[in-house]
Amino acid sequence: MDNLDRVSRPQRMDPLMSNLPLGNDPLSVRRRIEALERLLEGLVEIPVLRRKVGLDAIAGVVPVVGDLLTAGLGLYLVWEARNLGLPKWQLWRMAANVGFDGLIGAVPVAGDLFDLLYRSNTRNLRIVRKHLDRHHPATKVIES
């Protein structure tokens, strides 16, 4: 019997769970939203264009399914913003960004090019950051 067997399961998981932003506090929500935005908009860099693209542009190549998947992830950002208490007009604005991206992105070929230029999740992250910086200043992160 090794040491891991003697330690209870919650104790083994504690260091792992402490690194993940799973809480409902504003800082955890901010970290989750920023991580999802990076996944959707800035996963890899296209060397020739020197432009980062993410899952939104990559999955958009797959007709219908890719656009539905990324729109669902974009709406998750809106849901997180709702849990933070953003005003309804900002939530509607965020939902409109996701909807516009999803509708135009669903157009074959032209939609894929549009996904490279229009970053709805980055726009939504800016809205959430502005709210957090104003109402929860302790979550503010100094960016380099």
N, C-alpha and C. Protein backbone atom coordinates (compact mmCIF):
# COMPACT_ATOMS: atom_id res chain seq x y z
N MET A 1 0.86 -1.17 0.00
CA MET A 1 0.00 0.00 0.00
C MET A 1 0.90 1.24 0.00
N ASP A 2 0.79 2.07 -1.03
CA ASP A 2 1.62 3.26 -1.08
C ASP A 2 0.93 4.43 -0.38
N ASN A 3 1.63 5.55 -0.31
CA ASN A 3 1.12 6.73 0.41
C ASN A 3 -0.19 7.27 -0.16
N LEU A 4 -0.37 7.14 -1.47
CA LEU A 4 -1.59 7.66 -2.07
C LEU A 4 -2.82 6.88 -1.60
N ASP A 5 -2.64 5.59 -1.32
CA ASP A 5 -3.77 4.80 -0.85
C ASP A 5 -4.18 5.19 0.57
N ARG A 6 -3.23 5.66 1.35
CA ARG A 6 -3.53 6.05 2.73
C ARG A 6 -4.22 7.40 2.83
N VAL A 7 -4.03 8.23 1.83
CA VAL A 7 -4.62 9.56 1.84
C VAL A 7 -6.03 9.47 1.27
N SER A 8 -6.95 10.11 1.92
CA SER A 8 -8.33 10.08 1.44
C SER A 8 -8.45 10.83 0.11
N ARG A 9 -9.42 10.48 -0.66
CA ARG A 9 -9.61 11.07 -1.98
C ARG A 9 -9.73 12.60 -1.95
N PRO A 10 -10.52 13.21 -1.07
CA PRO A 10 -10.59 14.68 -1.07
C PRO A 10 -9.24 15.35 -0.80
N GLN A 11 -8.41 14.75 0.02
CA GLN A 11 -7.10 15.34 0.30
C GLN A 11 -6.21 15.28 -0.94
N ARG A 12 -6.31 14.20 -1.72
CA ARG A 12 -5.51 14.09 -2.94
C ARG A 12 -5.97 15.09 -3.99
N MET A 13 -7.24 15.37 -4.06
CA MET A 13 -7.78 16.27 -5.07
C MET A 13 -7.61 17.74 -4.70
N ASP A 14 -7.39 18.05 -3.43
CA ASP A 14 -7.35 19.43 -2.98
C ASP A 14 -6.32 20.28 -3.74
N PRO A 15 -5.05 19.85 -3.90
CA PRO A 15 -4.11 20.69 -4.65
C PRO A 15 -4.55 20.91 -6.10
N LEU A 16 -5.13 19.90 -6.70
CA LEU A 16 -5.59 20.03 -8.07
C LEU A 16 -6.73 21.02 -8.16
N MET A 17 -7.69 20.91 -7.28
CA MET A 17 -8.87 21.76 -7.31
C MET A 17 -8.54 23.21 -6.94
N SER A 18 -7.52 23.43 -6.13
CA SER A 18 -7.20 24.79 -5.72
C SER A 18 -6.66 25.62 -6.88
N ASN A 19 -6.13 24.97 -7.92
CA ASN A 19 -5.60 25.70 -9.08
C ASN A 19 -6.67 26.03 -10.10
N LEU A 20 -7.80 25.37 -10.05
CA LEU A 20 -8.87 25.62 -11.01
C LEU A 20 -9.81 26.70 -10.48
N PRO A 21 -10.21 27.62 -11.33
CA PRO A 21 -11.13 28.67 -10.89
C PRO A 21 -12.58 28.17 -10.89
N LEU A 22 -12.93 27.37 -9.88
CA LEU A 22 -14.26 26.77 -9.85
C LEU A 22 -15.26 27.53 -9.00
N GLY A 23 -14.82 28.54 -8.29
CA GLY A 23 -15.71 29.25 -7.39
C GLY A 23 -16.68 30.18 -8.10
N ASN A 24 -17.59 30.75 -7.34
CA ASN A 24 -18.54 31.71 -7.88
C ASN A 24 -18.13 33.14 -7.59
N ASP A 25 -16.98 33.30 -6.95
CA ASP A 25 -16.50 34.65 -6.65
C ASP A 25 -16.09 35.34 -7.96
N PRO A 26 -16.11 36.66 -8.00
CA PRO A 26 -15.81 37.39 -9.23
C PRO A 26 -14.43 37.08 -9.83
N LEU A 27 -13.42 36.84 -9.00
CA LEU A 27 -12.09 36.53 -9.54
C LEU A 27 -12.10 35.20 -10.27
N SER A 28 -12.75 34.19 -9.72
CA SER A 28 -12.83 32.89 -10.38
C SER A 28 -13.59 32.99 -11.69
N VAL A 29 -14.68 33.74 -11.68
CA VAL A 29 -15.47 33.91 -12.90
C VAL A 29 -14.63 34.63 -13.95
N ARG A 30 -13.89 35.66 -13.53
CA ARG A 30 -13.04 36.39 -14.47
C ARG A 30 -12.01 35.46 -15.10
N ARG A 31 -11.38 34.62 -14.31
CA ARG A 31 -10.37 33.69 -14.84
C ARG A 31 -10.99 32.70 -15.81
N ARG A 32 -12.18 32.20 -15.49
CA ARG A 32 -12.86 31.25 -16.40
C ARG A 32 -13.19 31.92 -17.72
N ILE A 33 -13.72 33.12 -17.65
CA ILE A 33 -14.11 33.83 -18.87
C ILE A 33 -12.88 34.14 -19.72
N GLU A 34 -11.81 34.58 -19.08
CA GLU A 34 -10.58 34.88 -19.83
C GLU A 34 -10.00 33.63 -20.47
N ALA A 35 -10.04 32.50 -19.76
CA ALA A 35 -9.53 31.25 -20.32
C ALA A 35 -10.38 30.80 -21.52
N LEU A 36 -11.69 30.93 -21.39
CA LEU A 36 -12.57 30.53 -22.50
C LEU A 36 -12.40 31.46 -23.69
N GLU A 37 -12.21 32.73 -23.43
CA GLU A 37 -11.98 33.68 -24.53
C GLU A 37 -10.69 33.34 -25.26
N ARG A 38 -9.64 32.99 -24.52
CA ARG A 38 -8.38 32.58 -25.16
C ARG A 38 -8.59 31.34 -26.02
N LEU A 39 -9.36 30.38 -25.51
CA LEU A 39 -9.64 29.16 -26.26
C LEU A 39 -10.41 29.47 -27.54
N LEU A 40 -11.39 30.34 -27.45
CA LEU A 40 -12.24 30.64 -28.60
C LEU A 40 -11.61 31.60 -29.60
N GLU A 41 -10.77 32.51 -29.14
CA GLU A 41 -10.26 33.56 -30.03
C GLU A 41 -8.75 33.56 -30.24
N GLY A 42 -7.97 32.95 -29.37
CA GLY A 42 -6.52 33.08 -29.49
C GLY A 42 -5.75 31.81 -29.19
N LEU A 43 -6.20 30.70 -29.70
CA LEU A 43 -5.59 29.40 -29.40
C LEU A 43 -4.24 29.24 -30.09
N VAL A 44 -4.18 29.51 -31.38
CA VAL A 44 -2.94 29.36 -32.15
C VAL A 44 -2.74 30.59 -33.03
N GLU A 45 -1.50 30.80 -33.43
CA GLU A 45 -1.19 31.94 -34.29
C GLU A 45 -0.93 31.47 -35.70
N ILE A 46 -1.51 32.16 -36.66
CA ILE A 46 -1.23 31.88 -38.06
C ILE A 46 0.02 32.66 -38.41
N PRO A 47 1.14 31.96 -38.69
CA PRO A 47 2.43 32.65 -38.87
C PRO A 47 2.42 33.69 -39.98
N VAL A 48 1.85 33.39 -41.12
CA VAL A 48 1.89 34.31 -42.25
C VAL A 48 1.10 35.59 -41.94
N LEU A 49 -0.04 35.43 -41.31
CA LEU A 49 -0.89 36.58 -41.01
C LEU A 49 -0.53 37.27 -39.70
N ARG A 50 0.25 36.57 -38.87
CA ARG A 50 0.57 37.06 -37.52
C ARG A 50 -0.71 37.40 -36.76
N ARG A 51 -1.67 36.53 -36.88
CA ARG A 51 -2.98 36.72 -36.25
C ARG A 51 -3.34 35.45 -35.51
N LYS A 52 -3.79 35.63 -34.28
CA LYS A 52 -4.20 34.47 -33.50
C LYS A 52 -5.63 34.10 -33.87
N VAL A 53 -5.87 32.81 -33.94
CA VAL A 53 -7.21 32.30 -34.17
C VAL A 53 -7.49 31.25 -33.10
N GLY A 54 -8.73 31.03 -32.87
CA GLY A 54 -9.11 30.06 -31.86
C GLY A 54 -10.14 29.08 -32.37
N LEU A 55 -10.77 28.44 -31.43
CA LEU A 55 -11.76 27.43 -31.74
C LEU A 55 -12.91 28.00 -32.55
N ASP A 56 -13.24 29.26 -32.35
CA ASP A 56 -14.34 29.89 -33.09
C ASP A 56 -14.08 29.84 -34.59
N ALA A 57 -12.89 30.21 -35.00
CA ALA A 57 -12.56 30.21 -36.43
C ALA A 57 -12.29 28.79 -36.94
N ILE A 58 -11.66 27.97 -36.12
CA ILE A 58 -11.31 26.61 -36.54
C ILE A 58 -12.55 25.73 -36.66
N ALA A 59 -13.40 25.75 -35.64
CA ALA A 59 -14.60 24.91 -35.67
C ALA A 59 -15.62 25.43 -36.67
N GLY A 60 -15.53 26.71 -37.02
CA GLY A 60 -16.45 27.28 -38.00
C GLY A 60 -16.30 26.66 -39.38
N VAL A 61 -15.20 25.99 -39.63
CA VAL A 61 -14.98 25.32 -40.91
C VAL A 61 -15.96 24.14 -41.05
N VAL A 62 -16.34 23.54 -39.93
CA VAL A 62 -17.30 22.44 -39.95
C VAL A 62 -18.70 23.05 -40.02
N PRO A 63 -19.41 22.82 -41.11
CA PRO A 63 -20.73 23.46 -41.27
C PRO A 63 -21.70 23.11 -40.13
N VAL A 64 -22.46 24.04 -39.73
CA VAL A 64 -23.53 23.98 -38.74
C VAL A 64 -23.02 23.56 -37.36
N VAL A 65 -22.44 22.39 -37.22
CA VAL A 65 -22.03 21.87 -35.92
C VAL A 65 -20.98 22.76 -35.26
N GLY A 66 -19.98 23.18 -36.01
CA GLY A 66 -18.93 24.03 -35.46
C GLY A 66 -19.46 25.37 -35.00
N ASP A 67 -20.35 25.95 -35.80
CA ASP A 67 -20.93 27.25 -35.44
C ASP A 67 -21.85 27.13 -34.23
N LEU A 68 -22.61 26.05 -34.15
CA LEU A 68 -23.48 25.84 -32.98
C LEU A 68 -22.65 25.64 -31.71
N LEU A 69 -21.57 24.89 -31.84
CA LEU A 69 -20.70 24.64 -30.69
C LEU A 69 -20.09 25.94 -30.16
N THR A 70 -19.54 26.73 -31.05
CA THR A 70 -18.89 27.96 -30.60
C THR A 70 -19.91 29.00 -30.14
N ALA A 71 -21.10 29.01 -30.73
CA ALA A 71 -22.14 29.91 -30.26
C ALA A 71 -22.59 29.51 -28.85
N GLY A 72 -22.67 28.21 -28.61
CA GLY A 72 -23.01 27.72 -27.27
C GLY A 72 -21.98 28.13 -26.24
N LEU A 73 -20.71 28.02 -26.59
CA LEU A 73 -19.64 28.45 -25.68
C LEU A 73 -19.68 29.96 -25.46
N GLY A 74 -20.00 30.70 -26.52
CA GLY A 74 -20.14 32.15 -26.39
C GLY A 74 -21.30 32.52 -25.47
N LEU A 75 -22.39 31.77 -25.56
CA LEU A 75 -23.54 32.02 -24.68
C LEU A 75 -23.22 31.65 -23.24
N TYR A 76 -22.30 30.72 -23.05
CA TYR A 76 -21.85 30.41 -21.69
C TYR A 76 -21.20 31.64 -21.05
N LEU A 77 -20.45 32.40 -21.84
CA LEU A 77 -19.86 33.64 -21.34
C LEU A 77 -20.96 34.61 -20.90
N VAL A 78 -22.03 34.67 -21.66
CA VAL A 78 -23.15 35.55 -21.31
C VAL A 78 -23.79 35.07 -20.00
N TRP A 79 -23.92 33.77 -19.86
CA TRP A 79 -24.50 33.21 -18.64
C TRP A 79 -23.64 33.54 -17.42
N GLU A 80 -22.33 33.42 -17.57
CA GLU A 80 -21.41 33.79 -16.48
C GLU A 80 -21.56 35.28 -16.15
N ALA A 81 -21.71 36.11 -17.18
CA ALA A 81 -21.89 37.54 -16.95
C ALA A 81 -23.19 37.81 -16.21
N ARG A 82 -24.23 37.06 -16.52
CA ARG A 82 -25.50 37.21 -15.81
C ARG A 82 -25.32 36.88 -14.34
N ASN A 83 -24.56 35.85 -14.06
CA ASN A 83 -24.30 35.47 -12.66
C ASN A 83 -23.50 36.52 -11.92
N LEU A 84 -22.74 37.33 -12.64
CA LEU A 84 -21.98 38.42 -12.02
C LEU A 84 -22.86 39.63 -11.73
N GLY A 85 -24.05 39.65 -12.30
CA GLY A 85 -24.97 40.76 -12.06
C GLY A 85 -24.85 41.90 -13.06
N LEU A 86 -24.39 41.61 -14.26
CA LEU A 86 -24.34 42.66 -15.28
C LEU A 86 -25.75 43.13 -15.60
N PRO A 87 -25.91 44.39 -15.93
CA PRO A 87 -27.24 44.90 -16.31
C PRO A 87 -27.77 44.19 -17.55
N LYS A 88 -29.08 44.15 -17.66
CA LYS A 88 -29.71 43.43 -18.77
C LYS A 88 -29.31 43.98 -20.13
N TRP A 89 -29.12 45.29 -20.23
CA TRP A 89 -28.76 45.86 -21.53
C TRP A 89 -27.38 45.37 -21.98
N GLN A 90 -26.47 45.15 -21.03
CA GLN A 90 -25.16 44.62 -21.39
C GLN A 90 -25.25 43.14 -21.76
N LEU A 91 -26.12 42.41 -21.07
CA LEU A 91 -26.33 41.01 -21.42
C LEU A 91 -26.92 40.89 -22.82
N TRP A 92 -27.87 41.76 -23.15
CA TRP A 92 -28.45 41.75 -24.50
C TRP A 92 -27.39 42.08 -25.54
N ARG A 93 -26.54 43.03 -25.21
CA ARG A 93 -25.46 43.41 -26.14
C ARG A 93 -24.51 42.23 -26.36
N MET A 94 -24.17 41.53 -25.28
CA MET A 94 -23.30 40.37 -25.39
C MET A 94 -23.97 39.27 -26.21
N ALA A 95 -25.25 39.01 -25.95
CA ALA A 95 -25.98 37.99 -26.71
C ALA A 95 -26.06 38.37 -28.18
N ALA A 96 -26.22 39.66 -28.47
CA ALA A 96 -26.26 40.12 -29.86
C ALA A 96 -24.91 39.88 -30.54
N ASN A 97 -23.81 40.10 -29.82
CA ASN A 97 -22.48 39.82 -30.38
C ASN A 97 -22.36 38.35 -30.76
N VAL A 98 -22.79 37.47 -29.87
CA VAL A 98 -22.71 36.02 -30.13
C VAL A 98 -23.64 35.66 -31.29
N GLY A 99 -24.87 36.19 -31.28
CA GLY A 99 -25.81 35.88 -32.35
C GLY A 99 -25.33 36.35 -33.71
N PHE A 100 -24.80 37.56 -33.77
CA PHE A 100 -24.28 38.11 -35.03
C PHE A 100 -23.13 37.26 -35.53
N ASP A 101 -22.22 36.89 -34.64
CA ASP A 101 -21.10 36.04 -35.00
C ASP A 101 -21.59 34.69 -35.50
N GLY A 102 -22.57 34.12 -34.82
CA GLY A 102 -23.09 32.82 -35.21
C GLY A 102 -23.80 32.84 -36.55
N LEU A 103 -24.60 33.88 -36.80
CA LEU A 103 -25.35 33.96 -38.06
C LEU A 103 -24.43 34.19 -39.26
N ILE A 104 -23.55 35.17 -39.14
CA ILE A 104 -22.65 35.47 -40.26
C ILE A 104 -21.62 34.35 -40.41
N GLY A 105 -21.17 33.80 -39.30
CA GLY A 105 -20.20 32.71 -39.35
C GLY A 105 -20.73 31.45 -39.98
N ALA A 106 -22.05 31.29 -40.02
CA ALA A 106 -22.66 30.09 -40.60
C ALA A 106 -22.65 30.11 -42.13
N VAL A 107 -22.39 31.27 -42.72
CA VAL A 107 -22.34 31.37 -44.18
C VAL A 107 -21.05 30.69 -44.65
N PRO A 108 -21.15 29.73 -45.56
CA PRO A 108 -19.94 29.03 -46.03
C PRO A 108 -18.91 30.00 -46.62
N VAL A 109 -17.68 29.73 -46.39
CA VAL A 109 -16.49 30.44 -46.84
C VAL A 109 -16.44 31.89 -46.33
N ALA A 110 -17.41 32.72 -46.69
CA ALA A 110 -17.42 34.11 -46.23
C ALA A 110 -17.51 34.16 -44.71
N GLY A 111 -18.27 33.26 -44.12
CA GLY A 111 -18.40 33.20 -42.67
C GLY A 111 -17.10 32.81 -41.99
N ASP A 112 -16.35 31.93 -42.63
CA ASP A 112 -15.05 31.54 -42.08
C ASP A 112 -14.08 32.70 -42.08
N LEU A 113 -14.09 33.50 -43.13
CA LEU A 113 -13.25 34.69 -43.18
C LEU A 113 -13.72 35.72 -42.15
N PHE A 114 -15.03 35.82 -41.98
CA PHE A 114 -15.61 36.74 -41.01
C PHE A 114 -15.16 36.37 -39.59
N ASP A 115 -15.09 35.06 -39.30
CA ASP A 115 -14.68 34.60 -37.98
C ASP A 115 -13.24 35.00 -37.65
N LEU A 116 -12.42 35.19 -38.67
CA LEU A 116 -11.06 35.65 -38.43
C LEU A 116 -11.02 37.11 -38.00
N LEU A 117 -12.00 37.89 -38.43
CA LEU A 117 -11.99 39.33 -38.18
C LEU A 117 -12.86 39.76 -37.01
N TYR A 118 -14.05 39.18 -36.88
CA TYR A 118 -15.00 39.60 -35.85
C TYR A 118 -14.85 38.69 -34.64
N ARG A 119 -14.44 39.25 -33.54
CA ARG A 119 -14.18 38.47 -32.32
C ARG A 119 -15.23 38.82 -31.26
N SER A 120 -16.35 38.14 -31.34
CA SER A 120 -17.45 38.44 -30.43
C SER A 120 -17.09 38.14 -28.98
N ASN A 121 -16.32 37.09 -28.76
CA ASN A 121 -15.97 36.72 -27.39
C ASN A 121 -14.99 37.71 -26.77
N THR A 122 -14.11 38.27 -27.58
CA THR A 122 -13.20 39.30 -27.09
C THR A 122 -13.99 40.57 -26.74
N ARG A 123 -14.97 40.90 -27.56
CA ARG A 123 -15.83 42.05 -27.27
C ARG A 123 -16.59 41.83 -25.97
N ASN A 124 -17.10 40.61 -25.79
CA ASN A 124 -17.85 40.29 -24.58
C ASN A 124 -16.95 40.29 -23.35
N LEU A 125 -15.72 39.83 -23.51
CA LEU A 125 -14.78 39.86 -22.39
C LEU A 125 -14.50 41.30 -21.97
N ARG A 126 -14.40 42.21 -22.93
CA ARG A 126 -14.20 43.63 -22.60
C ARG A 126 -15.35 44.17 -21.77
N ILE A 127 -16.57 43.79 -22.12
CA ILE A 127 -17.75 44.24 -21.37
C ILE A 127 -17.69 43.73 -19.95
N VAL A 128 -17.35 42.46 -19.79
CA VAL A 128 -17.29 41.86 -18.45
C VAL A 128 -16.15 42.48 -17.64
N ARG A 129 -14.99 42.67 -18.26
CA ARG A 129 -13.86 43.28 -17.55
C ARG A 129 -14.20 44.69 -17.05
N LYS A 130 -14.86 45.45 -17.90
CA LYS A 130 -15.24 46.81 -17.51
C LYS A 130 -16.15 46.78 -16.28
N HIS A 131 -17.11 45.86 -16.29
CA HIS A 131 -18.02 45.72 -15.15
C HIS A 131 -17.25 45.28 -13.90
N LEU A 132 -16.39 44.28 -14.04
CA LEU A 132 -15.64 43.79 -12.89
C LEU A 132 -14.69 44.85 -12.35
N ASP A 133 -14.04 45.59 -13.22
CA ASP A 133 -13.12 46.63 -12.77
C ASP A 133 -13.85 47.73 -12.00
N ARG A 134 -15.08 48.00 -12.39
CA ARG A 134 -15.87 49.02 -11.71
C ARG A 134 -16.49 48.51 -10.41
N HIS A 135 -17.06 47.31 -10.43
CA HIS A 135 -17.82 46.82 -9.30
C HIS A 135 -17.06 45.84 -8.39
N HIS A 136 -15.99 45.25 -8.89
CA HIS A 136 -15.18 44.32 -8.10
C HIS A 136 -13.71 44.61 -8.36
N PRO A 137 -13.20 45.75 -7.89
CA PRO A 137 -11.83 46.16 -8.23
C PRO A 137 -10.75 45.19 -7.76
N ALA A 138 -11.05 44.35 -6.79
CA ALA A 138 -10.05 43.39 -6.30
C ALA A 138 -9.72 42.34 -7.36
N THR A 139 -10.54 42.19 -8.38
CA THR A 139 -10.28 41.21 -9.44
C THR A 139 -9.42 41.78 -10.55
N LYS A 140 -9.15 43.08 -10.50
CA LYS A 140 -8.39 43.74 -11.56
C LYS A 140 -7.00 43.12 -11.66
N VAL A 141 -6.60 42.85 -12.88
CA VAL A 141 -5.30 42.24 -13.15
C VAL A 141 -4.49 43.25 -13.98
N ILE A 142 -3.28 43.48 -13.57
CA ILE A 142 -2.41 44.37 -14.33
C ILE A 142 -1.85 43.57 -15.48
N GLU A 143 -2.17 44.02 -16.70
CA GLU A 143 -1.73 43.30 -17.89
C GLU A 143 -0.42 43.87 -18.36
N SER A 144 0.44 42.97 -18.82
CA SER A 144 1.75 43.42 -19.32
C SER A 144 1.74 43.67 -20.79
